C-alpha atoms as a PDB file:
ATOM      1  CA  MET A   1      43.056  30.671 -50.625  1.00  0.00           C
ATOM      2  CA  ARG A   2      39.886  28.504 -51.954  1.00  0.00           C
ATOM      3  CA  SER A   3      40.516  25.572 -53.436  1.00  0.00           C
ATOM      4  CA  LEU A   4      37.986  23.879 -55.977  1.00  0.00           C
ATOM      5  CA  GLY A   5      38.875  20.538 -54.434  1.00  0.00           C
ATOM      6  CA  SER A   6      37.518  21.405 -51.364  1.00  0.00           C
ATOM      7  CA  THR A   7      33.681  22.483 -52.409  1.00  0.00           C
ATOM      8  CA  PRO A   8      32.744  18.449 -52.102  1.00  0.00           C
ATOM      9  CA  LEU A   9      33.885  18.006 -48.924  1.00  0.00           C
ATOM     10  CA  ARG A  10      32.115  20.980 -47.343  1.00  0.00           C
ATOM     11  CA  LYS A  11      29.083  19.659 -48.941  1.00  0.00           C
ATOM     12  CA  ALA A  12      29.596  16.502 -47.404  1.00  0.00           C
ATOM     13  CA  ALA A  13      30.260  17.775 -44.119  1.00  0.00           C
ATOM     14  CA  GLY A  14      26.804  20.083 -43.977  1.00  0.00           C
ATOM     15  CA  SER A  15      24.906  17.067 -45.267  1.00  0.00           C
ATOM     16  CA  PHE A  16      26.633  15.019 -42.327  1.00  0.00           C
ATOM     17  CA  LEU A  17      25.279  18.032 -39.900  1.00  0.00           C
ATOM     18  CA  LEU A  18      22.072  17.850 -41.193  1.00  0.00           C
ATOM     19  CA  LEU A  19      21.763  14.161 -40.502  1.00  0.00           C
ATOM     20  CA  LEU A  20      23.026  14.432 -37.025  1.00  0.00           C
ATOM     21  CA  ALA A  21      20.156  17.520 -36.273  1.00  0.00           C
ATOM     22  CA  GLY A  22      17.718  15.101 -37.778  1.00  0.00           C
ATOM     23  CA  LEU A  23      18.492  12.144 -35.316  1.00  0.00           C
ATOM     24  CA  ALA A  24      18.794  14.664 -32.667  1.00  0.00           C
ATOM     25  CA  LEU A  25      15.058  15.964 -33.166  1.00  0.00           C
ATOM     26  CA  ALA A  26      13.518  12.440 -33.514  1.00  0.00           C
ATOM     27  CA  GLN A  27      15.233  11.243 -30.641  1.00  0.00           C
ATOM     28  CA  SER A  28      13.434  14.509 -28.550  1.00  0.00           C
ATOM     29  CA  THR A  29       9.895  13.918 -30.053  1.00  0.00           C
ATOM     30  CA  THR A  30       9.903   9.956 -29.672  1.00  0.00           C
ATOM     31  CA  PRO A  31       7.447   9.356 -26.931  1.00  0.00           C
ATOM     32  CA  ALA A  32       8.818   7.446 -24.013  1.00  0.00           C
ATOM     33  CA  SER A  33       7.478   4.019 -22.656  1.00  0.00           C
ATOM     34  CA  ALA A  34       7.039   5.844 -18.993  1.00  0.00           C
ATOM     35  CA  ASP A  35       7.236   9.489 -17.923  1.00  0.00           C
ATOM     36  CA  ALA A  36      10.876   9.896 -16.325  1.00  0.00           C
ATOM     37  CA  THR A  37       9.532  12.010 -13.488  1.00  0.00           C
ATOM     38  CA  ALA A  38       7.242   9.712 -12.531  1.00  0.00           C
ATOM     39  CA  PRO A  39       8.168   7.307  -9.484  1.00  0.00           C
ATOM     40  CA  GLN A  40       9.031   3.730 -10.467  1.00  0.00           C
ATOM     41  CA  GLY A  41       6.134   1.335 -11.363  1.00  0.00           C
ATOM     42  CA  GLN A  42       3.951   4.824 -12.972  1.00  0.00           C
ATOM     43  CA  VAL A  43       3.214   6.326 -15.883  1.00  0.00           C
ATOM     44  CA  SER A  44       1.778   9.769 -16.102  1.00  0.00           C
ATOM     45  CA  ASP A  45      -2.092  10.322 -17.348  1.00  0.00           C
ATOM     46  CA  PRO A  46      -1.881  12.817 -19.686  1.00  0.00           C
ATOM     47  CA  ALA A  47      -5.536  13.523 -19.148  1.00  0.00           C
ATOM     48  CA  ALA A  48      -5.429  13.544 -15.168  1.00  0.00           C
ATOM     49  CA  GLY A  49      -5.400  16.890 -13.432  1.00  0.00           C
ATOM     50  CA  PRO A  50      -3.471  17.398 -10.370  1.00  0.00           C
ATOM     51  CA  ASP A  51      -5.627  15.743  -8.095  1.00  0.00           C
ATOM     52  CA  GLU A  52      -6.227  12.556 -10.010  1.00  0.00           C
ATOM     53  CA  VAL A  53      -4.217   9.291  -9.355  1.00  0.00           C
ATOM     54  CA  ALA A  54      -1.610   8.352 -11.352  1.00  0.00           C
ATOM     55  CA  ARG A  55      -1.849   5.057 -13.414  1.00  0.00           C
ATOM     56  CA  PHE A  56      -0.098   2.248 -12.777  1.00  0.00           C
ATOM     57  CA  LYS A  57       1.720  -0.103 -14.921  1.00  0.00           C
ATOM     58  CA  ILE A  58       2.279  -3.861 -14.329  1.00  0.00           C
ATOM     59  CA  GLY A  59       4.885  -4.295 -16.881  1.00  0.00           C
ATOM     60  CA  THR A  60       5.247  -7.799 -16.585  1.00  0.00           C
ATOM     61  CA  ASN A  61       1.628  -8.747 -15.965  1.00  0.00           C
ATOM     62  CA  GLU A  62       2.362  -9.943 -12.353  1.00  0.00           C
ATOM     63  CA  VAL A  63       0.368  -9.603  -9.307  1.00  0.00           C
ATOM     64  CA  ASN A  64       2.154 -10.110  -6.055  1.00  0.00           C
ATOM     65  CA  VAL A  65      -0.312 -10.895  -3.017  1.00  0.00           C
ATOM     66  CA  VAL A  66       0.913 -10.998   0.673  1.00  0.00           C
ATOM     67  CA  PHE A  67      -0.987 -13.331   3.164  1.00  0.00           C
ATOM     68  CA  THR A  68      -1.066 -14.923   6.602  1.00  0.00           C
ATOM     69  CA  VAL A  69      -1.807 -18.607   7.270  1.00  0.00           C
ATOM     70  CA  THR A  70      -3.170 -19.557  10.900  1.00  0.00           C
ATOM     71  CA  ASP A  71      -4.105 -23.153  12.323  1.00  0.00           C
ATOM     72  CA  LYS A  72      -7.873 -23.471  13.323  1.00  0.00           C
ATOM     73  CA  HIS A  73      -6.643 -22.033  17.159  1.00  0.00           C
ATOM     74  CA  GLY A  74      -5.264 -18.644  15.243  1.00  0.00           C
ATOM     75  CA  ARG A  75      -1.456 -19.638  15.897  1.00  0.00           C
ATOM     76  CA  TYR A  76       0.950 -18.611  12.884  1.00  0.00           C
ATOM     77  CA  ILE A  77       2.196 -21.004  10.321  1.00  0.00           C
ATOM     78  CA  THR A  78       5.300 -19.907   8.913  1.00  0.00           C
ATOM     79  CA  ASP A  79       6.651 -23.444   7.350  1.00  0.00           C
ATOM     80  CA  LEU A  80       4.474 -24.174   4.455  1.00  0.00           C
ATOM     81  CA  LYS A  81       5.367 -24.441   0.807  1.00  0.00           C
ATOM     82  CA  GLN A  82       4.031 -23.588  -2.315  1.00  0.00           C
ATOM     83  CA  ASN A  83       2.388 -26.829  -3.467  1.00  0.00           C
ATOM     84  CA  ASP A  84       0.447 -26.459  -0.382  1.00  0.00           C
ATOM     85  CA  PHE A  85      -1.805 -23.957  -1.691  1.00  0.00           C
ATOM     86  CA  HIS A  86      -3.676 -22.934  -4.877  1.00  0.00           C
ATOM     87  CA  VAL A  87      -4.272 -19.351  -6.138  1.00  0.00           C
ATOM     88  CA  ILE A  88      -7.795 -18.467  -7.980  1.00  0.00           C
ATOM     89  CA  ASP A  89      -7.838 -15.521  -9.481  1.00  0.00           C
ATOM     90  CA  ASP A  90     -11.258 -14.103 -11.464  1.00  0.00           C
ATOM     91  CA  ASN A  91     -12.556 -17.832 -10.675  1.00  0.00           C
ATOM     92  CA  LYS A  92      -9.555 -19.191 -12.882  1.00  0.00           C
ATOM     93  CA  PRO A  93      -6.409 -20.514 -11.950  1.00  0.00           C
ATOM     94  CA  PRO A  94      -3.063 -18.431 -12.522  1.00  0.00           C
ATOM     95  CA  GLU A  95      -1.323 -18.995 -16.059  1.00  0.00           C
ATOM     96  CA  GLU A  96       1.821 -19.284 -13.962  1.00  0.00           C
ATOM     97  CA  VAL A  97       3.539 -19.030 -10.423  1.00  0.00           C
ATOM     98  CA  ARG A  98       6.256 -16.950 -10.619  1.00  0.00           C
ATOM     99  CA  SER A  99       7.554 -17.155  -7.240  1.00  0.00           C
ATOM    100  CA  PHE A 100       6.722 -18.045  -3.656  1.00  0.00           C
ATOM    101  CA  HIS A 101       8.684 -16.996  -0.206  1.00  0.00           C
ATOM    102  CA  ALA A 102       8.044 -17.138   3.430  1.00  0.00           C
ATOM    103  CA  GLU A 103       8.557 -13.359   3.406  1.00  0.00           C
ATOM    104  CA  THR A 104       9.533 -13.156   7.412  1.00  0.00           C
ATOM    105  CA  ASN A 105      12.350 -10.352   6.656  1.00  0.00           C
ATOM    106  CA  LEU A 106      10.904  -8.604   3.909  1.00  0.00           C
ATOM    107  CA  PRO A 107      11.024  -4.503   4.047  1.00  0.00           C
ATOM    108  CA  LEU A 108       8.289  -2.824   5.484  1.00  0.00           C
ATOM    109  CA  GLN A 109       6.275   0.413   4.301  1.00  0.00           C
ATOM    110  CA  VAL A 110       4.118   1.500   7.321  1.00  0.00           C
ATOM    111  CA  GLY A 111       1.238   3.850   7.663  1.00  0.00           C
ATOM    112  CA  LEU A 112      -0.148   4.563  11.104  1.00  0.00           C
ATOM    113  CA  LEU A 113      -3.628   6.459  10.984  1.00  0.00           C
ATOM    114  CA  ILE A 114      -4.369   7.883  14.157  1.00  0.00           C
ATOM    115  CA  ASP A 115      -8.217   9.100  14.920  1.00  0.00           C
ATOM    116  CA  ALA A 116      -7.468  12.521  16.300  1.00  0.00           C
ATOM    117  CA  SER A 117     -11.111  13.785  16.469  1.00  0.00           C
ATOM    118  CA  ASN A 118     -13.166  14.806  19.661  1.00  0.00           C
ATOM    119  CA  SER A 119     -14.230  11.188  20.002  1.00  0.00           C
ATOM    120  CA  VAL A 120     -11.019  10.009  21.356  1.00  0.00           C
ATOM    121  CA  ARG A 121      -9.876  12.486  23.349  1.00  0.00           C
ATOM    122  CA  ASP A 122     -10.242  10.399  26.864  1.00  0.00           C
ATOM    123  CA  ARG A 123      -8.024   7.896  25.640  1.00  0.00           C
ATOM    124  CA  PHE A 124      -5.534   9.720  23.244  1.00  0.00           C
ATOM    125  CA  LYS A 125      -2.535  10.080  25.475  1.00  0.00           C
ATOM    126  CA  PHE A 126      -2.633   5.872  25.819  1.00  0.00           C
ATOM    127  CA  GLU A 127      -2.998   5.490  22.183  1.00  0.00           C
ATOM    128  CA  GLN A 128       0.295   7.946  21.299  1.00  0.00           C
ATOM    129  CA  GLU A 129       2.226   5.883  23.512  1.00  0.00           C
ATOM    130  CA  SER A 130       0.969   2.243  22.567  1.00  0.00           C
ATOM    131  CA  ALA A 131       1.410   3.760  18.834  1.00  0.00           C
ATOM    132  CA  VAL A 132       5.035   4.833  19.877  1.00  0.00           C
ATOM    133  CA  GLU A 133       6.196   1.393  21.339  1.00  0.00           C
ATOM    134  CA  PHE A 134       5.030  -0.314  18.301  1.00  0.00           C
ATOM    135  CA  LEU A 135       7.007   1.674  15.892  1.00  0.00           C
ATOM    136  CA  ASN A 136       9.863   1.245  17.831  1.00  0.00           C
ATOM    137  CA  GLN A 137       9.873  -2.199  18.025  1.00  0.00           C
ATOM    138  CA  THR A 138       9.029  -2.746  14.172  1.00  0.00           C
ATOM    139  CA  VAL A 139      10.641   0.024  12.048  1.00  0.00           C
ATOM    140  CA  ARG A 140      14.193  -1.173  11.450  1.00  0.00           C
ATOM    141  CA  ARG A 141      17.042   1.397  10.831  1.00  0.00           C
ATOM    142  CA  ARG A 142      17.799   1.155   7.159  1.00  0.00           C
ATOM    143  CA  TYR A 143      15.428  -1.286   6.270  1.00  0.00           C
ATOM    144  CA  ASP A 144      11.678  -0.311   7.101  1.00  0.00           C
ATOM    145  CA  LYS A 145      10.213   3.165   6.810  1.00  0.00           C
ATOM    146  CA  ALA A 146       7.245   4.157   8.464  1.00  0.00           C
ATOM    147  CA  PHE A 147       4.941   7.343   8.560  1.00  0.00           C
ATOM    148  CA  VAL A 148       2.320   9.450  10.544  1.00  0.00           C
ATOM    149  CA  ILE A 149      -0.941  10.509  10.102  1.00  0.00           C
ATOM    150  CA  GLY A 150      -3.749  12.157  12.162  1.00  0.00           C
ATOM    151  CA  PHE A 151      -7.166  12.813  11.148  1.00  0.00           C
ATOM    152  CA  ASP A 152     -10.025  14.831  12.870  1.00  0.00           C
ATOM    153  CA  ALA A 153     -11.719  16.980   9.755  1.00  0.00           C
ATOM    154  CA  THR A 154      -8.604  16.352   7.459  1.00  0.00           C
ATOM    155  CA  PRO A 155      -5.886  13.801   7.374  1.00  0.00           C
ATOM    156  CA  GLU A 156      -2.338  15.637   8.929  1.00  0.00           C
ATOM    157  CA  VAL A 157       0.763  14.658   7.944  1.00  0.00           C
ATOM    158  CA  THR A 158       2.906  14.923  11.406  1.00  0.00           C
ATOM    159  CA  GLN A 159       6.042  12.521   9.875  1.00  0.00           C
ATOM    160  CA  ASP A 160       6.262  11.306   6.260  1.00  0.00           C
ATOM    161  CA  PHE A 161       8.473   8.199   5.137  1.00  0.00           C
ATOM    162  CA  THR A 162      11.522   7.979   7.634  1.00  0.00           C
ATOM    163  CA  ASP A 163      13.422   5.114   9.295  1.00  0.00           C
ATOM    164  CA  ASN A 164      13.998   7.165  12.379  1.00  0.00           C
ATOM    165  CA  THR A 165      11.877   6.337  15.259  1.00  0.00           C
ATOM    166  CA  GLU A 166      12.621   9.206  17.229  1.00  0.00           C
ATOM    167  CA  ALA A 167      11.056  11.274  14.479  1.00  0.00           C
ATOM    168  CA  LEU A 168       8.214   9.065  14.131  1.00  0.00           C
ATOM    169  CA  ALA A 169       7.748   9.505  18.105  1.00  0.00           C
ATOM    170  CA  ARG A 170       7.817  13.312  17.782  1.00  0.00           C
ATOM    171  CA  GLY A 171       5.174  12.675  14.906  1.00  0.00           C
ATOM    172  CA  VAL A 172       2.652  10.495  16.964  1.00  0.00           C
ATOM    173  CA  HIS A 173       3.391  13.232  19.918  1.00  0.00           C
ATOM    174  CA  ASP A 174       2.462  16.401  18.159  1.00  0.00           C
ATOM    175  CA  LEU A 175      -1.095  15.173  17.253  1.00  0.00           C
ATOM    176  CA  ARG A 176      -3.816  17.224  19.241  1.00  0.00           C
ATOM    177  CA  PRO A 177      -7.319  15.485  19.139  1.00  0.00           C
ATOM    178  CA  GLY A 178     -10.214  17.672  18.202  1.00  0.00           C
ATOM    179  CA  GLY A 179     -12.888  18.370  15.481  1.00  0.00           C
ATOM    180  CA  GLY A 180     -15.021  15.896  13.446  1.00  0.00           C
ATOM    181  CA  THR A 181     -13.698  12.466  11.710  1.00  0.00           C
ATOM    182  CA  ALA A 182     -13.056  12.022   8.383  1.00  0.00           C
ATOM    183  CA  LEU A 183     -11.983   8.241   8.462  1.00  0.00           C
ATOM    184  CA  TYR A 184     -12.099   7.557   4.875  1.00  0.00           C
ATOM    185  CA  ASP A 185     -10.623  10.500   3.559  1.00  0.00           C
ATOM    186  CA  ALA A 186      -7.458   9.579   5.668  1.00  0.00           C
ATOM    187  CA  LEU A 187      -7.295   6.509   4.305  1.00  0.00           C
ATOM    188  CA  TYR A 188      -8.105   7.239   0.819  1.00  0.00           C
ATOM    189  CA  TYR A 189      -5.210   9.971   1.325  1.00  0.00           C
ATOM    190  CA  ALA A 190      -2.540   7.823   2.998  1.00  0.00           C
ATOM    191  CA  CYS A 191      -2.744   4.876  -0.007  1.00  0.00           C
ATOM    192  CA  ARG A 192      -2.847   7.506  -2.769  1.00  0.00           C
ATOM    193  CA  GLU A 193      -0.704  10.282  -1.506  1.00  0.00           C
ATOM    194  CA  ARG A 194       1.851   8.527   0.369  1.00  0.00           C
ATOM    195  CA  LEU A 195       1.887   4.739  -0.755  1.00  0.00           C
ATOM    196  CA  LEU A 196       1.362   4.650  -4.159  1.00  0.00           C
ATOM    197  CA  LYS A 197       3.476   7.958  -5.204  1.00  0.00           C
ATOM    198  CA  SER A 198       6.225   6.165  -2.877  1.00  0.00           C
ATOM    199  CA  PRO A 199       8.756   4.471  -5.449  1.00  0.00           C
ATOM    200  CA  GLN A 200       9.516   0.896  -4.834  1.00  0.00           C
ATOM    201  CA  ASN A 201      13.059  -0.059  -5.825  1.00  0.00           C
ATOM    202  CA  THR A 202      12.873  -3.811  -4.194  1.00  0.00           C
ATOM    203  CA  PRO A 203       9.884  -5.799  -3.128  1.00  0.00           C
ATOM    204  CA  SER A 204       8.559  -4.597   0.142  1.00  0.00           C
ATOM    205  CA  ARG A 205       5.019  -5.266   2.252  1.00  0.00           C
ATOM    206  CA  ARG A 206       2.421  -2.420   2.793  1.00  0.00           C
ATOM    207  CA  ALA A 207       0.653  -1.976   5.844  1.00  0.00           C
ATOM    208  CA  ILE A 208      -1.737   0.759   7.320  1.00  0.00           C
ATOM    209  CA  ILE A 209      -2.655   0.525  10.986  1.00  0.00           C
ATOM    210  CA  MET A 210      -5.553   2.763  11.862  1.00  0.00           C
ATOM    211  CA  LEU A 211      -6.424   3.290  15.522  1.00  0.00           C
ATOM    212  CA  SER A 212     -10.147   5.179  15.435  1.00  0.00           C
ATOM    213  CA  ASP A 213     -13.903   4.201  16.498  1.00  0.00           C
ATOM    214  CA  GLY A 214     -14.849   4.038  12.811  1.00  0.00           C
ATOM    215  CA  GLU A 215     -17.191   6.630  12.931  1.00  0.00           C
ATOM    216  CA  ASP A 216     -17.176   8.507   9.996  1.00  0.00           C
ATOM    217  CA  ASN A 217     -18.991  11.993   9.787  1.00  0.00           C
ATOM    218  CA  LEU A 218     -17.501  13.951   7.433  1.00  0.00           C
ATOM    219  CA  SER A 219     -15.422  12.106   4.482  1.00  0.00           C
ATOM    220  CA  HIS A 220     -16.003  13.215   0.871  1.00  0.00           C
ATOM    221  CA  VAL A 221     -15.120   9.600  -0.184  1.00  0.00           C
ATOM    222  CA  SER A 222     -16.933   6.689   0.721  1.00  0.00           C
ATOM    223  CA  ARG A 223     -16.048   3.821   2.527  1.00  0.00           C
ATOM    224  CA  GLU A 224     -15.996   1.588  -0.402  1.00  0.00           C
ATOM    225  CA  GLU A 225     -13.855   4.068  -2.274  1.00  0.00           C
ATOM    226  CA  ALA A 226     -11.432   4.116   0.481  1.00  0.00           C
ATOM    227  CA  ILE A 227     -10.937   0.419   0.307  1.00  0.00           C
ATOM    228  CA  GLU A 228     -10.649   0.379  -3.261  1.00  0.00           C
ATOM    229  CA  MET A 229      -7.238   2.766  -3.056  1.00  0.00           C
ATOM    230  CA  ALA A 230      -6.178   0.833  -0.294  1.00  0.00           C
ATOM    231  CA  GLN A 231      -6.378  -2.592  -2.634  1.00  0.00           C
ATOM    232  CA  ARG A 232      -4.769  -0.350  -5.693  1.00  0.00           C
ATOM    233  CA  ALA A 233      -1.744   0.203  -3.292  1.00  0.00           C
ATOM    234  CA  GLU A 234      -1.555  -3.491  -2.269  1.00  0.00           C
ATOM    235  CA  ALA A 235      -1.705  -2.155   1.079  1.00  0.00           C
ATOM    236  CA  ILE A 236      -3.155  -4.383   4.427  1.00  0.00           C
ATOM    237  CA  VAL A 237      -4.897  -2.436   6.478  1.00  0.00           C
ATOM    238  CA  TYR A 238      -4.901  -3.415  10.563  1.00  0.00           C
ATOM    239  CA  THR A 239      -7.958  -1.582  12.727  1.00  0.00           C
ATOM    240  CA  ILE A 240      -7.934  -1.375  16.063  1.00  0.00           C
ATOM    241  CA  SER A 241     -10.918   0.199  17.583  1.00  0.00           C
ATOM    242  CA  THR A 242     -10.660   2.719  20.336  1.00  0.00           C
ATOM    243  CA  ASN A 243     -14.636   1.818  20.911  1.00  0.00           C
ATOM    244  CA  VAL A 244     -14.240   0.466  24.509  1.00  0.00           C
ATOM    245  CA  SER A 245     -17.827   0.325  25.614  1.00  0.00           C
ATOM    246  CA  GLY A 246     -18.002  -3.450  25.743  1.00  0.00           C
ATOM    247  CA  THR A 247     -20.822  -3.718  22.645  1.00  0.00           C
ATOM    248  CA  LYS A 248     -19.747  -3.883  19.004  1.00  0.00           C
ATOM    249  CA  GLY A 249     -21.572  -0.424  17.142  1.00  0.00           C
ATOM    250  CA  LYS A 250     -21.870   0.961  13.377  1.00  0.00           C
ATOM    251  CA  GLY A 251     -18.419   1.984  13.610  1.00  0.00           C
ATOM    252  CA  ASP A 252     -16.818  -1.388  14.486  1.00  0.00           C
ATOM    253  CA  ARG A 253     -18.568  -2.880  11.664  1.00  0.00           C
ATOM    254  CA  VAL A 254     -16.800  -0.389   9.532  1.00  0.00           C
ATOM    255  CA  LEU A 255     -13.697  -1.324  10.698  1.00  0.00           C
ATOM    256  CA  GLU A 256     -14.172  -4.762   9.911  1.00  0.00           C
ATOM    257  CA  ARG A 257     -15.134  -3.946   6.649  1.00  0.00           C
ATOM    258  CA  ILE A 258     -11.878  -2.501   5.487  1.00  0.00           C
ATOM    259  CA  ALA A 259      -9.817  -4.712   7.603  1.00  0.00           C
ATOM    260  CA  ASP A 260     -11.263  -7.569   5.943  1.00  0.00           C
ATOM    261  CA  ALA A 261     -11.488  -6.747   1.974  1.00  0.00           C
ATOM    262  CA  THR A 262      -7.667  -5.939   2.264  1.00  0.00           C
ATOM    263  CA  GLY A 263      -6.491  -8.748   3.889  1.00  0.00           C
ATOM    264  CA  GLY A 264      -5.827  -7.364   7.465  1.00  0.00           C
ATOM    265  CA  ARG A 265      -7.106  -7.843  10.638  1.00  0.00           C
ATOM    266  CA  ALA A 266      -9.851  -6.129  12.999  1.00  0.00           C
ATOM    267  CA  PHE A 267      -9.213  -5.834  17.390  1.00  0.00           C
ATOM    268  CA  PHE A 268     -11.197  -4.803  19.068  1.00  0.00           C
ATOM    269  CA  PRO A 269      -9.826  -4.020  23.058  1.00  0.00           C
ATOM    270  CA  PHE A 270     -11.812  -4.778  25.623  1.00  0.00           C
ATOM    271  CA  GLN A 271      -9.766  -1.881  27.890  1.00  0.00           C
ATOM    272  CA  ILE A 272      -7.592   0.751  26.598  1.00  0.00           C
ATOM    273  CA  ARG A 273      -4.458  -1.295  27.902  1.00  0.00           C
ATOM    274  CA  ASP A 274      -5.244  -3.635  25.470  1.00  0.00           C
ATOM    275  CA  VAL A 275      -4.616  -1.562  22.933  1.00  0.00           C
ATOM    276  CA  ALA A 276      -0.695  -2.071  23.562  1.00  0.00           C
ATOM    277  CA  ASN A 277      -1.267  -5.952  23.169  1.00  0.00           C
ATOM    278  CA  ASP A 278      -2.858  -5.679  19.485  1.00  0.00           C
ATOM    279  CA  PHE A 279      -0.575  -3.625  18.678  1.00  0.00           C
ATOM    280  CA  ALA A 280       2.145  -6.206  19.575  1.00  0.00           C
ATOM    281  CA  GLU A 281      -0.025  -8.749  17.794  1.00  0.00           C
ATOM    282  CA  ILE A 282       0.073  -6.845  14.183  1.00  0.00           C
ATOM    283  CA  GLN A 283       3.904  -7.043  14.728  1.00  0.00           C
ATOM    284  CA  ASN A 284       3.968 -10.588  15.052  1.00  0.00           C
ATOM    285  CA  GLU A 285       1.968 -10.774  11.989  1.00  0.00           C
ATOM    286  CA  LEU A 286       4.048  -8.700   9.739  1.00  0.00           C
ATOM    287  CA  ARG A 287       6.774 -10.856  10.609  1.00  0.00           C
ATOM    288  CA  SER A 288       4.614 -14.193   9.872  1.00  0.00           C
ATOM    289  CA  GLN A 289       3.860 -13.587   6.444  1.00  0.00           C
ATOM    290  CA  TYR A 290       4.121 -15.248   2.719  1.00  0.00           C
ATOM    291  CA  ALA A 291       3.973 -13.951  -0.484  1.00  0.00           C
ATOM    292  CA  ILE A 292       3.091 -15.176  -3.871  1.00  0.00           C
ATOM    293  CA  SER A 293       3.578 -13.910  -7.389  1.00  0.00           C
ATOM    294  CA  TYR A 294       1.767 -15.016 -10.404  1.00  0.00           C
ATOM    295  CA  LYS A 295       0.869 -14.094 -14.021  1.00  0.00           C
ATOM    296  CA  PRO A 296      -3.323 -14.114 -14.067  1.00  0.00           C
ATOM    297  CA  ALA A 297      -5.047 -16.303 -16.848  1.00  0.00           C
ATOM    298  CA  ASP A 298      -6.722 -14.183 -19.706  1.00  0.00           C
ATOM    299  CA  LEU A 299      -5.707 -10.793 -18.211  1.00  0.00           C
ATOM    300  CA  ARG A 300      -7.307  -7.664 -20.434  1.00  0.00           C
ATOM    301  CA  LYS A 301      -5.793  -4.365 -19.456  1.00  0.00           C
ATOM    302  CA  ASP A 302      -9.349  -2.649 -18.958  1.00  0.00           C
ATOM    303  CA  GLY A 303      -9.296  -2.108 -15.367  1.00  0.00           C
ATOM    304  CA  HIS A 304     -11.409  -4.551 -14.342  1.00  0.00           C
ATOM    305  CA  TYR A 305     -11.560  -5.740 -10.886  1.00  0.00           C
ATOM    306  CA  ARG A 306     -10.622  -9.354 -10.280  1.00  0.00           C
ATOM    307  CA  THR A 307     -11.491 -11.404  -7.278  1.00  0.00           C
ATOM    308  CA  ILE A 308      -8.294 -13.501  -5.311  1.00  0.00           C
ATOM    309  CA  GLU A 309      -8.541 -16.231  -3.523  1.00  0.00           C
ATOM    310  CA  ILE A 310      -6.038 -18.236  -2.003  1.00  0.00           C
ATOM    311  CA  VAL A 311      -7.010 -21.495  -0.492  1.00  0.00           C
ATOM    312  CA  ALA A 312      -4.944 -23.726   1.677  1.00  0.00           C
ATOM    313  CA  ASN A 313      -5.077 -27.193   0.176  1.00  0.00           C
ATOM    314  CA  ASP A 314      -5.628 -28.453   4.002  1.00  0.00           C
ATOM    315  CA  ARG A 315      -8.503 -26.443   4.504  1.00  0.00           C
ATOM    316  CA  LYS A 316      -9.819 -28.273   7.850  1.00  0.00           C
ATOM    317  CA  ASN A 317      -6.587 -27.242   9.611  1.00  0.00           C
ATOM    318  CA  PHE A 318      -5.275 -23.933   7.990  1.00  0.00           C
ATOM    319  CA  ARG A 319      -6.799 -20.781   7.329  1.00  0.00           C
ATOM    320  CA  VAL A 320      -5.696 -18.032   4.670  1.00  0.00           C
ATOM    321  CA  ARG A 321      -6.067 -14.131   5.059  1.00  0.00           C
ATOM    322  CA  ALA A 322      -5.251 -12.299   1.846  1.00  0.00           C
ATOM    323  CA  ARG A 323      -6.695  -9.374  -0.003  1.00  0.00           C
ATOM    324  CA  ARG A 324      -9.940  -9.938  -1.727  1.00  0.00           C
ATOM    325  CA  GLY A 325      -9.162  -8.447  -5.375  1.00  0.00           C
ATOM    326  CA  TRP A 326      -7.392  -6.330  -7.347  1.00  0.00           C
ATOM    327  CA  TYR A 327      -7.292  -3.733 -10.219  1.00  0.00           C
ATOM    328  CA  SER A 328      -5.917  -4.864 -13.565  1.00  0.00           C
ATOM    329  CA  PRO A 329      -4.291  -2.133 -15.504  1.00  0.00           C
ATOM    330  CA  THR A 330      -5.494   0.292 -18.286  1.00  0.00           C
ATOM    331  CA  GLN A 331      -2.509  -0.017 -20.508  1.00  0.00           C
END
């Protein structure tokens, strides 16, 4: 039996259910601040196609720079303090320096890019063994990660990010020389598809080590586009020339340009066995760095390239090597 007194209750219950439905609909249509499916630090660009780079958002408007300091004899200096330096960003001092650390133990994200074109066939096996030794000495289990890419006409990932040095060694040994050289494409791909798409849950240092003669004859992107992608990925690029002719060629100058723009170093071994020494020097440098974080002055979110200069107050005795610039966010 239906009671007349129950009608107001039914009406109230119906109104309450409608209210809950409205709230659920509002939540489902409210735009999120960042794409939930994007890696940490990224937001999807709805206008971007499948091959376009995801735009990166610096939520705190901070710039992080890893750099190296040497004395005039090239020896690493690892005991300096924040007040031993000053930063110039886009020709202005930063609004605020947020942090400064001597980063001798920060986790590494390392990409090993090995030229597998015909031009390096005669010295390829020695380079493989040197690279494996570097990975064994550098990558710490459950702490660092590395990947291996071989390139000739196209880049090929033979081992994706892992901390397993045995898997990395297999990735290096799986490389087979042959074909032309698309060096710029390989660097662009490694930075965009591996480093930028790898989430950084904790602070880390990103580095690319590239073995090549620097002679590019097949790339679709330019040298400067490859450098820009490395800068966007905040990757320091170290290059080891496989040209052991004894004379510096056009390719060697390309390797110098890439390393210099990203805060790395270009190595030119006189003999093939010196490649192992160069790897050892890179390993030493990766454990002898500083990291500074600052809030830039007059930041505009316009995608503008901003120059970076980190200067030691004692310029006479100390030399600082860091990447030359960065790109401001676009949103």
